[in-house]
Amino acid sequence: MTGQFARALILLLVCTAQTAHAQVTVDVSKITCEQFIVLPKADSVAVWLSGYYNGKRGNTVIDTQGLASENQKLRDFCITNPQMPVMDAAEKLFGVSR
């Protein structure tokens, strides 16, 4: 009986471990500045925005210190413009367009 219980427990753990790694997709164009400031993964979104706009400009160089500075500028701008979409904020701040 304990062997069956152990197998059932292992099966349960394997099944829940697989569901815990489910992917989540986000439409960045719909994120407002207000949501961006409180987003737990805001740095990931900022990195994505940097890659998106640098890609549009054909720039393949990453300035890691500049990225942190631009992220802070974006956060500061978003505090005063909470209803603006974060992509529009990035365009306005950094002079890039979609």
PDB file of N, CA and C in Angstrom:
ATOM      1  N   MET A   1       0.811  -1.189   0.000  1.00  0.00           N
ATOM      2  CA  MET A   1       0.000   0.000   0.000  1.00  0.00           C
ATOM      3  C   MET A   1       0.864   1.268   0.000  1.00  0.00           C
ATOM      4  N   THR A   2       1.948   1.276   0.749  1.00  0.00           N
ATOM      5  CA  THR A   2       2.816   2.449   0.780  1.00  0.00           C
ATOM      6  C   THR A   2       3.520   2.653  -0.550  1.00  0.00           C
ATOM      7  N   GLY A   3       3.784   1.585  -1.288  1.00  0.00           N
ATOM      8  CA  GLY A   3       4.394   1.718  -2.615  1.00  0.00           C
ATOM      9  C   GLY A   3       3.474   2.451  -3.569  1.00  0.00           C
ATOM     10  N   GLN A   4       2.170   2.147  -3.514  1.00  0.00           N
ATOM     11  CA  GLN A   4       1.206   2.832  -4.363  1.00  0.00           C
ATOM     12  C   GLN A   4       1.085   4.298  -3.958  1.00  0.00           C
ATOM     13  N   PHE A   5       1.115   4.554  -2.663  1.00  0.00           N
ATOM     14  CA  PHE A   5       1.029   5.923  -2.171  1.00  0.00           C
ATOM     15  C   PHE A   5       2.241   6.726  -2.647  1.00  0.00           C
ATOM     16  N   ALA A   6       3.424   6.126  -2.559  1.00  0.00           N
ATOM     17  CA  ALA A   6       4.646   6.798  -2.981  1.00  0.00           C
ATOM     18  C   ALA A   6       4.603   7.104  -4.479  1.00  0.00           C
ATOM     19  N   ARG A   7       4.143   6.145  -5.282  1.00  0.00           N
ATOM     20  CA  ARG A   7       4.033   6.377  -6.730  1.00  0.00           C
ATOM     21  C   ARG A   7       3.029   7.481  -7.035  1.00  0.00           C
ATOM     22  N   ALA A   8       1.915   7.478  -6.327  1.00  0.00           N
ATOM     23  CA  ALA A   8       0.903   8.514  -6.530  1.00  0.00           C
ATOM     24  C   ALA A   8       1.448   9.885  -6.141  1.00  0.00           C
ATOM     25  N   LEU A   9       2.197   9.945  -5.063  1.00  0.00           N
ATOM     26  CA  LEU A   9       2.790  11.197  -4.618  1.00  0.00           C
ATOM     27  C   LEU A   9       3.805  11.707  -5.637  1.00  0.00           C
ATOM     28  N   ILE A  10       4.635  10.821  -6.153  1.00  0.00           N
ATOM     29  CA  ILE A  10       5.624  11.209  -7.164  1.00  0.00           C
ATOM     30  C   ILE A  10       4.925  11.711  -8.424  1.00  0.00           C
ATOM     31  N   LEU A  11       3.890  11.004  -8.842  1.00  0.00           N
ATOM     32  CA  LEU A  11       3.131  11.422 -10.020  1.00  0.00           C
ATOM     33  C   LEU A  11       2.523  12.802  -9.801  1.00  0.00           C
ATOM     34  N   LEU A  12       1.971  13.039  -8.631  1.00  0.00           N
ATOM     35  CA  LEU A  12       1.385  14.334  -8.310  1.00  0.00           C
ATOM     36  C   LEU A  12       2.439  15.439  -8.356  1.00  0.00           C
ATOM     37  N   LEU A  13       3.606  15.164  -7.787  1.00  0.00           N
ATOM     38  CA  LEU A  13       4.682  16.154  -7.788  1.00  0.00           C
ATOM     39  C   LEU A  13       5.167  16.459  -9.198  1.00  0.00           C
ATOM     40  N   VAL A  14       5.293  15.440 -10.023  1.00  0.00           N
ATOM     41  CA  VAL A  14       5.730  15.641 -11.412  1.00  0.00           C
ATOM     42  C   VAL A  14       4.702  16.479 -12.170  1.00  0.00           C
ATOM     43  N   CYS A  15       3.435  16.183 -11.992  1.00  0.00           N
ATOM     44  CA  CYS A  15       2.380  16.928 -12.699  1.00  0.00           C
ATOM     45  C   CYS A  15       2.334  18.389 -12.265  1.00  0.00           C
ATOM     46  N   THR A  16       2.455  18.646 -10.983  1.00  0.00           N
ATOM     47  CA  THR A  16       2.413  20.033 -10.520  1.00  0.00           C
ATOM     48  C   THR A  16       3.683  20.780 -10.888  1.00  0.00           C
ATOM     49  N   ALA A  17       4.798  20.120 -10.957  1.00  0.00           N
ATOM     50  CA  ALA A  17       6.048  20.778 -11.351  1.00  0.00           C
ATOM     51  C   ALA A  17       5.964  21.243 -12.793  1.00  0.00           C
ATOM     52  N   GLN A  18       5.332  20.482 -13.647  1.00  0.00           N
ATOM     53  CA  GLN A  18       5.206  20.871 -15.046  1.00  0.00           C
ATOM     54  C   GLN A  18       4.283  22.074 -15.203  1.00  0.00           C
ATOM     55  N   THR A  19       3.211  22.141 -14.453  1.00  0.00           N
ATOM     56  CA  THR A  19       2.298  23.269 -14.578  1.00  0.00           C
ATOM     57  C   THR A  19       2.861  24.533 -13.954  1.00  0.00           C
ATOM     58  N   ALA A  20       3.779  24.410 -13.045  1.00  0.00           N
ATOM     59  CA  ALA A  20       4.372  25.582 -12.400  1.00  0.00           C
ATOM     60  C   ALA A  20       5.255  26.361 -13.361  1.00  0.00           C
ATOM     61  N   HIS A  21       5.702  25.736 -14.437  1.00  0.00           N
ATOM     62  CA  HIS A  21       6.575  26.394 -15.394  1.00  0.00           C
ATOM     63  C   HIS A  21       5.823  26.857 -16.634  1.00  0.00           C
ATOM     64  N   ALA A  22       4.528  27.086 -16.516  1.00  0.00           N
ATOM     65  CA  ALA A  22       3.731  27.534 -17.654  1.00  0.00           C
ATOM     66  C   ALA A  22       4.200  28.916 -18.106  1.00  0.00           C
ATOM     67  N   GLN A  23       4.210  29.127 -19.401  1.00  0.00           N
ATOM     68  CA  GLN A  23       4.656  30.404 -19.936  1.00  0.00           C
ATOM     69  C   GLN A  23       3.526  31.411 -19.907  1.00  0.00           C
ATOM     70  N   VAL A  24       3.890  32.661 -19.735  1.00  0.00           N
ATOM     71  CA  VAL A  24       2.929  33.750 -19.739  1.00  0.00           C
ATOM     72  C   VAL A  24       3.341  34.708 -20.837  1.00  0.00           C
ATOM     73  N   THR A  25       2.390  35.120 -21.669  1.00  0.00           N
ATOM     74  CA  THR A  25       2.697  36.101 -22.701  1.00  0.00           C
ATOM     75  C   THR A  25       2.073  37.437 -22.324  1.00  0.00           C
ATOM     76  N   VAL A  26       2.726  38.500 -22.716  1.00  0.00           N
ATOM     77  CA  VAL A  26       2.279  39.847 -22.378  1.00  0.00           C
ATOM     78  C   VAL A  26       2.320  40.697 -23.642  1.00  0.00           C
ATOM     79  N   ASP A  27       1.247  41.426 -23.905  1.00  0.00           N
ATOM     80  CA  ASP A  27       1.226  42.383 -25.009  1.00  0.00           C
ATOM     81  C   ASP A  27       1.749  43.702 -24.456  1.00  0.00           C
ATOM     82  N   VAL A  28       3.008  44.005 -24.722  1.00  0.00           N
ATOM     83  CA  VAL A  28       3.661  45.180 -24.146  1.00  0.00           C
ATOM     84  C   VAL A  28       2.975  46.468 -24.589  1.00  0.00           C
ATOM     85  N   SER A  29       2.380  46.472 -25.768  1.00  0.00           N
ATOM     86  CA  SER A  29       1.717  47.693 -26.258  1.00  0.00           C
ATOM     87  C   SER A  29       0.509  48.078 -25.398  1.00  0.00           C
ATOM     88  N   LYS A  30       0.039  47.161 -24.582  1.00  0.00           N
ATOM     89  CA  LYS A  30      -1.130  47.440 -23.736  1.00  0.00           C
ATOM     90  C   LYS A  30      -0.756  47.797 -22.296  1.00  0.00           C
ATOM     91  N   ILE A  31       0.525  47.756 -21.964  1.00  0.00           N
ATOM     92  CA  ILE A  31       0.968  48.080 -20.601  1.00  0.00           C
ATOM     93  C   ILE A  31       0.987  49.600 -20.441  1.00  0.00           C
ATOM     94  N   THR A  32       0.263  50.102 -19.440  1.00  0.00           N
ATOM     95  CA  THR A  32       0.302  51.534 -19.150  1.00  0.00           C
ATOM     96  C   THR A  32       1.502  51.834 -18.256  1.00  0.00           C
ATOM     97  N   CYS A  33       1.827  53.107 -18.166  1.00  0.00           N
ATOM     98  CA  CYS A  33       2.920  53.513 -17.278  1.00  0.00           C
ATOM     99  C   CYS A  33       2.623  53.119 -15.834  1.00  0.00           C
ATOM    100  N   GLU A  34       1.369  53.270 -15.436  1.00  0.00           N
ATOM    101  CA  GLU A  34       0.979  52.915 -14.071  1.00  0.00           C
ATOM    102  C   GLU A  34       1.267  51.437 -13.797  1.00  0.00           C
ATOM    103  N   GLN A  35       0.936  50.586 -14.759  1.00  0.00           N
ATOM    104  CA  GLN A  35       1.191  49.161 -14.600  1.00  0.00           C
ATOM    105  C   GLN A  35       2.689  48.872 -14.632  1.00  0.00           C
ATOM    106  N   PHE A  36       3.413  49.587 -15.486  1.00  0.00           N
ATOM    107  CA  PHE A  36       4.860  49.382 -15.603  1.00  0.00           C
ATOM    108  C   PHE A  36       5.577  49.661 -14.283  1.00  0.00           C
ATOM    109  N   ILE A  37       5.181  50.717 -13.589  1.00  0.00           N
ATOM    110  CA  ILE A  37       5.899  51.093 -12.356  1.00  0.00           C
ATOM    111  C   ILE A  37       5.743  50.044 -11.267  1.00  0.00           C
ATOM    112  N   VAL A  38       4.592  49.383 -11.219  1.00  0.00           N
ATOM    113  CA  VAL A  38       4.365  48.398 -10.159  1.00  0.00           C
ATOM    114  C   VAL A  38       4.616  46.962 -10.612  1.00  0.00           C
ATOM    115  N   LEU A  39       4.978  46.787 -11.867  1.00  0.00           N
ATOM    116  CA  LEU A  39       5.195  45.452 -12.418  1.00  0.00           C
ATOM    117  C   LEU A  39       6.390  44.782 -11.754  1.00  0.00           C
ATOM    118  N   PRO A  40       6.226  43.570 -11.219  1.00  0.00           N
ATOM    119  CA  PRO A  40       7.357  42.887 -10.580  1.00  0.00           C
ATOM    120  C   PRO A  40       8.516  42.629 -11.545  1.00  0.00           C
ATOM    121  N   LYS A  41       8.232  42.476 -12.816  1.00  0.00           N
ATOM    122  CA  LYS A  41       9.272  42.203 -13.810  1.00  0.00           C
ATOM    123  C   LYS A  41       9.494  43.419 -14.712  1.00  0.00           C
ATOM    124  N   ALA A  42       9.425  44.621 -14.157  1.00  0.00           N
ATOM    125  CA  ALA A  42       9.577  45.843 -14.952  1.00  0.00           C
ATOM    126  C   ALA A  42      10.931  45.891 -15.653  1.00  0.00           C
ATOM    127  N   ASP A  43      11.977  45.379 -15.019  1.00  0.00           N
ATOM    128  CA  ASP A  43      13.302  45.374 -15.654  1.00  0.00           C
ATOM    129  C   ASP A  43      13.297  44.522 -16.916  1.00  0.00           C
ATOM    130  N   SER A  44      12.568  43.421 -16.894  1.00  0.00           N
ATOM    131  CA  SER A  44      12.472  42.568 -18.082  1.00  0.00           C
ATOM    132  C   SER A  44      11.763  43.300 -19.213  1.00  0.00           C
ATOM    133  N   VAL A  45      10.717  44.046 -18.876  1.00  0.00           N
ATOM    134  CA  VAL A  45      10.006  44.825 -19.892  1.00  0.00           C
ATOM    135  C   VAL A  45      10.909  45.919 -20.430  1.00  0.00           C
ATOM    136  N   ALA A  46      11.679  46.563 -19.564  1.00  0.00           N
ATOM    137  CA  ALA A  46      12.599  47.611 -20.002  1.00  0.00           C
ATOM    138  C   ALA A  46      13.663  47.048 -20.947  1.00  0.00           C
ATOM    139  N   VAL A  47      14.165  45.866 -20.655  1.00  0.00           N
ATOM    140  CA  VAL A  47      15.142  45.220 -21.539  1.00  0.00           C
ATOM    141  C   VAL A  47      14.498  44.907 -22.883  1.00  0.00           C
ATOM    142  N   TRP A  48      13.253  44.416 -22.853  1.00  0.00           N
ATOM    143  CA  TRP A  48      12.536  44.121 -24.091  1.00  0.00           C
ATOM    144  C   TRP A  48      12.341  45.383 -24.914  1.00  0.00           C
ATOM    145  N   LEU A  49      11.911  46.485 -24.255  1.00  0.00           N
ATOM    146  CA  LEU A  49      11.719  47.753 -24.954  1.00  0.00           C
ATOM    147  C   LEU A  49      13.020  48.227 -25.590  1.00  0.00           C
ATOM    148  N   SER A  50      14.108  48.109 -24.846  1.00  0.00           N
ATOM    149  CA  SER A  50      15.414  48.509 -25.383  1.00  0.00           C
ATOM    150  C   SER A  50      15.762  47.695 -26.630  1.00  0.00           C
ATOM    151  N   GLY A  51      15.580  46.402 -26.545  1.00  0.00           N
ATOM    152  CA  GLY A  51      15.868  45.549 -27.693  1.00  0.00           C
ATOM    153  C   GLY A  51      14.970  45.851 -28.874  1.00  0.00           C
ATOM    154  N   TYR A  52      13.698  46.105 -28.599  1.00  0.00           N
ATOM    155  CA  TYR A  52      12.737  46.404 -29.653  1.00  0.00           C
ATOM    156  C   TYR A  52      13.141  47.668 -30.410  1.00  0.00           C
ATOM    157  N   TYR A  53      13.382  48.746 -29.662  1.00  0.00           N
ATOM    158  CA  TYR A  53      13.693  50.017 -30.316  1.00  0.00           C
ATOM    159  C   TYR A  53      15.104  50.043 -30.900  1.00  0.00           C
ATOM    160  N   ASN A  54      16.056  49.414 -30.237  1.00  0.00           N
ATOM    161  CA  ASN A  54      17.396  49.341 -30.819  1.00  0.00           C
ATOM    162  C   ASN A  54      17.384  48.504 -32.091  1.00  0.00           C
ATOM    163  N   GLY A  55      16.570  47.467 -32.119  1.00  0.00           N
ATOM    164  CA  GLY A  55      16.427  46.664 -33.322  1.00  0.00           C
ATOM    165  C   GLY A  55      15.845  47.462 -34.469  1.00  0.00           C
ATOM    166  N   LYS A  56      14.875  48.309 -34.182  1.00  0.00           N
ATOM    167  CA  LYS A  56      14.281  49.161 -35.218  1.00  0.00           C
ATOM    168  C   LYS A  56      15.304  50.136 -35.787  1.00  0.00           C
ATOM    169  N   ARG A  57      16.264  50.552 -34.951  1.00  0.00           N
ATOM    170  CA  ARG A  57      17.306  51.469 -35.403  1.00  0.00           C
ATOM    171  C   ARG A  57      18.499  50.743 -36.033  1.00  0.00           C
ATOM    172  N   GLY A  58      18.472  49.411 -35.964  1.00  0.00           N
ATOM    173  CA  GLY A  58      19.598  48.642 -36.497  1.00  0.00           C
ATOM    174  C   GLY A  58      20.807  48.653 -35.583  1.00  0.00           C
ATOM    175  N   ASN A  59      20.616  49.026 -34.333  1.00  0.00           N
ATOM    176  CA  ASN A  59      21.706  49.077 -33.364  1.00  0.00           C
ATOM    177  C   ASN A  59      21.829  47.721 -32.675  1.00  0.00           C
ATOM    178  N   THR A  60      23.006  47.117 -32.755  1.00  0.00           N
ATOM    179  CA  THR A  60      23.206  45.801 -32.146  1.00  0.00           C
ATOM    180  C   THR A  60      24.086  45.849 -30.901  1.00  0.00           C
ATOM    181  N   VAL A  61      24.393  47.045 -30.423  1.00  0.00           N
ATOM    182  CA  VAL A  61      25.256  47.204 -29.253  1.00  0.00           C
ATOM    183  C   VAL A  61      24.397  47.489 -28.024  1.00  0.00           C
ATOM    184  N   ILE A  62      24.695  46.811 -26.918  1.00  0.00           N
ATOM    185  CA  ILE A  62      23.980  47.036 -25.662  1.00  0.00           C
ATOM    186  C   ILE A  62      24.879  47.830 -24.718  1.00  0.00           C
ATOM    187  N   ASP A  63      24.399  48.972 -24.291  1.00  0.00           N
ATOM    188  CA  ASP A  63      25.084  49.782 -23.288  1.00  0.00           C
ATOM    189  C   ASP A  63      24.422  49.474 -21.951  1.00  0.00           C
ATOM    190  N   THR A  64      25.017  48.586 -21.164  1.00  0.00           N
ATOM    191  CA  THR A  64      24.364  48.127 -19.932  1.00  0.00           C
ATOM    192  C   THR A  64      24.150  49.258 -18.927  1.00  0.00           C
ATOM    193  N   GLN A  65      25.113  50.165 -18.808  1.00  0.00           N
ATOM    194  CA  GLN A  65      24.931  51.278 -17.877  1.00  0.00           C
ATOM    195  C   GLN A  65      23.884  52.247 -18.410  1.00  0.00           C
ATOM    196  N   GLY A  66      23.888  52.452 -19.709  1.00  0.00           N
ATOM    197  CA  GLY A  66      22.892  53.320 -20.321  1.00  0.00           C
ATOM    198  C   GLY A  66      21.494  52.743 -20.176  1.00  0.00           C
ATOM    199  N   LEU A  67      21.390  51.415 -20.248  1.00  0.00           N
ATOM    200  CA  LEU A  67      20.094  50.747 -20.095  1.00  0.00           C
ATOM    201  C   LEU A  67      19.511  51.023 -18.715  1.00  0.00           C
ATOM    202  N   ALA A  68      20.328  50.934 -17.692  1.00  0.00           N
ATOM    203  CA  ALA A  68      19.849  51.202 -16.327  1.00  0.00           C
ATOM    204  C   ALA A  68      19.402  52.660 -16.197  1.00  0.00           C
ATOM    205  N   SER A  69      20.149  53.568 -16.793  1.00  0.00           N
ATOM    206  CA  SER A  69      19.811  54.989 -16.753  1.00  0.00           C
ATOM    207  C   SER A  69      18.511  55.270 -17.506  1.00  0.00           C
ATOM    208  N   GLU A  70      18.360  54.662 -18.689  1.00  0.00           N
ATOM    209  CA  GLU A  70      17.135  54.848 -19.471  1.00  0.00           C
ATOM    210  C   GLU A  70      15.924  54.245 -18.754  1.00  0.00           C
ATOM    211  N   ASN A  71      16.133  53.110 -18.101  1.00  0.00           N
ATOM    212  CA  ASN A  71      15.057  52.488 -17.333  1.00  0.00           C
ATOM    213  C   ASN A  71      14.585  53.435 -16.231  1.00  0.00           C
ATOM    214  N   GLN A  72      15.512  54.067 -15.544  1.00  0.00           N
ATOM    215  CA  GLN A  72      15.146  54.995 -14.478  1.00  0.00           C
ATOM    216  C   GLN A  72      14.417  56.215 -15.034  1.00  0.00           C
ATOM    217  N   LYS A  73      14.882  56.738 -16.174  1.00  0.00           N
ATOM    218  CA  LYS A  73      14.204  57.873 -16.808  1.00  0.00           C
ATOM    219  C   LYS A  73      12.771  57.494 -17.186  1.00  0.00           C
ATOM    220  N   LEU A  74      12.598  56.288 -17.715  1.00  0.00           N
ATOM    221  CA  LEU A  74      11.275  55.823 -18.103  1.00  0.00           C
ATOM    222  C   LEU A  74      10.374  55.696 -16.877  1.00  0.00           C
ATOM    223  N   ARG A  75      10.903  55.138 -15.801  1.00  0.00           N
ATOM    224  CA  ARG A  75      10.115  54.995 -14.565  1.00  0.00           C
ATOM    225  C   ARG A  75       9.706  56.376 -14.027  1.00  0.00           C
ATOM    226  N   ASP A  76      10.646  57.325 -14.019  1.00  0.00           N
ATOM    227  CA  ASP A  76      10.346  58.677 -13.541  1.00  0.00           C
ATOM    228  C   ASP A  76       9.269  59.340 -14.402  1.00  0.00           C
ATOM    229  N   PHE A  77       9.388  59.187 -15.716  1.00  0.00           N
ATOM    230  CA  PHE A  77       8.400  59.747 -16.632  1.00  0.00           C
ATOM    231  C   PHE A  77       7.036  59.108 -16.403  1.00  0.00           C
ATOM    232  N   CYS A  78       7.025  57.806 -16.194  1.00  0.00           N
ATOM    233  CA  CYS A  78       5.769  57.078 -15.989  1.00  0.00           C
ATOM    234  C   CYS A  78       5.058  57.484 -14.704  1.00  0.00           C
ATOM    235  N   ILE A  79       5.800  57.880 -13.711  1.00  0.00           N
ATOM    236  CA  ILE A  79       5.188  58.325 -12.448  1.00  0.00           C
ATOM    237  C   ILE A  79       4.315  59.551 -12.689  1.00  0.00           C
ATOM    238  N   THR A  80       4.764  60.448 -13.574  1.00  0.00           N
ATOM    239  CA  THR A  80       3.994  61.663 -13.842  1.00  0.00           C
ATOM    240  C   THR A  80       2.991  61.503 -14.992  1.00  0.00           C
ATOM    241  N   ASN A  81       3.040  60.363 -15.694  1.00  0.00           N
ATOM    242  CA  ASN A  81       2.133  60.107 -16.817  1.00  0.00           C
ATOM    243  C   ASN A  81       1.558  58.693 -16.716  1.00  0.00           C
ATOM    244  N   PRO A  82       0.825  58.392 -15.650  1.00  0.00           N
ATOM    245  CA  PRO A  82       0.425  57.005 -15.381  1.00  0.00           C
ATOM    246  C   PRO A  82      -0.500  56.377 -16.429  1.00  0.00           C
ATOM    247  N   GLN A  83      -1.283  57.170 -17.144  1.00  0.00           N
ATOM    248  CA  GLN A  83      -2.238  56.593 -18.104  1.00  0.00           C
ATOM    249  C   GLN A  83      -1.635  56.359 -19.488  1.00  0.00           C
ATOM    250  N   MET A  84      -0.441  56.872 -19.724  1.00  0.00           N
ATOM    251  CA  MET A  84       0.190  56.726 -21.034  1.00  0.00           C
ATOM    252  C   MET A  84       0.693  55.296 -21.222  1.00  0.00           C
ATOM    253  N   PRO A  85       0.488  54.714 -22.408  1.00  0.00           N
ATOM    254  CA  PRO A  85       1.088  53.398 -22.665  1.00  0.00           C
ATOM    255  C   PRO A  85       2.613  53.494 -22.577  1.00  0.00           C
ATOM    256  N   VAL A  86       3.240  52.505 -21.986  1.00  0.00           N
ATOM    257  CA  VAL A  86       4.683  52.561 -21.746  1.00  0.00           C
ATOM    258  C   VAL A  86       5.463  52.638 -23.068  1.00  0.00           C
ATOM    259  N   MET A  87       4.941  52.050 -24.132  1.00  0.00           N
ATOM    260  CA  MET A  87       5.638  52.149 -25.417  1.00  0.00           C
ATOM    261  C   MET A  87       5.596  53.585 -25.944  1.00  0.00           C
ATOM    262  N   ASP A  88       4.478  54.283 -25.739  1.00  0.00           N
ATOM    263  CA  ASP A  88       4.393  55.684 -26.139  1.00  0.00           C
ATOM    264  C   ASP A  88       5.341  56.535 -25.300  1.00  0.00           C
ATOM    265  N   ALA A  89       5.454  56.206 -24.033  1.00  0.00           N
ATOM    266  CA  ALA A  89       6.376  56.921 -23.148  1.00  0.00           C
ATOM    267  C   ALA A  89       7.811  56.754 -23.621  1.00  0.00           C
ATOM    268  N   ALA A  90       8.178  55.536 -23.993  1.00  0.00           N
ATOM    269  CA  ALA A  90       9.539  55.272 -24.492  1.00  0.00           C
ATOM    270  C   ALA A  90       9.798  56.042 -25.777  1.00  0.00           C
ATOM    271  N   GLU A  91       8.804  56.079 -26.656  1.00  0.00           N
ATOM    272  CA  GLU A  91       8.946  56.833 -27.906  1.00  0.00           C
ATOM    273  C   GLU A  91       9.143  58.315 -27.633  1.00  0.00           C
ATOM    274  N   LYS A  92       8.358  58.845 -26.725  1.00  0.00           N
ATOM    275  CA  LYS A  92       8.451  60.267 -26.401  1.00  0.00           C
ATOM    276  C   LYS A  92       9.789  60.605 -25.747  1.00  0.00           C
ATOM    277  N   LEU A  93      10.227  59.753 -24.821  1.00  0.00           N
ATOM    278  CA  LEU A  93      11.472  60.002 -24.100  1.00  0.00           C
ATOM    279  C   LEU A  93      12.723  59.831 -24.954  1.00  0.00           C
ATOM    280  N   PHE A  94      12.749  58.783 -25.731  1.00  0.00           N
ATOM    281  CA  PHE A  94      13.986  58.399 -26.420  1.00  0.00           C
ATOM    282  C   PHE A  94      13.947  58.662 -27.923  1.00  0.00           C
ATOM    283  N   GLY A  95      12.881  59.322 -28.385  1.00  0.00           N
ATOM    284  CA  GLY A  95      12.827  59.732 -29.780  1.00  0.00           C
ATOM    285  C   GLY A  95      12.805  58.610 -30.785  1.00  0.00           C
ATOM    286  N   VAL A  96      12.105  57.563 -30.472  1.00  0.00           N
ATOM    287  CA  VAL A  96      11.985  56.438 -31.400  1.00  0.00           C
ATOM    288  C   VAL A  96      10.509  56.255 -31.715  1.00  0.00           C
ATOM    289  N   SER A  97      10.232  55.634 -32.848  1.00  0.00           N
ATOM    290  CA  SER A  97       8.829  55.399 -33.185  1.00  0.00           C
ATOM    291  C   SER A  97       8.618  53.944 -33.561  1.00  0.00           C
ATOM    292  N   ARG A  98       7.392  53.502 -33.403  1.00  0.00           N
ATOM    293  CA  ARG A  98       7.056  52.097 -33.684  1.00  0.00           C
ATOM    294  C   ARG A  98       7.169  51.784 -35.128  1.00  0.00           C
TER     295      ARG A  98
END
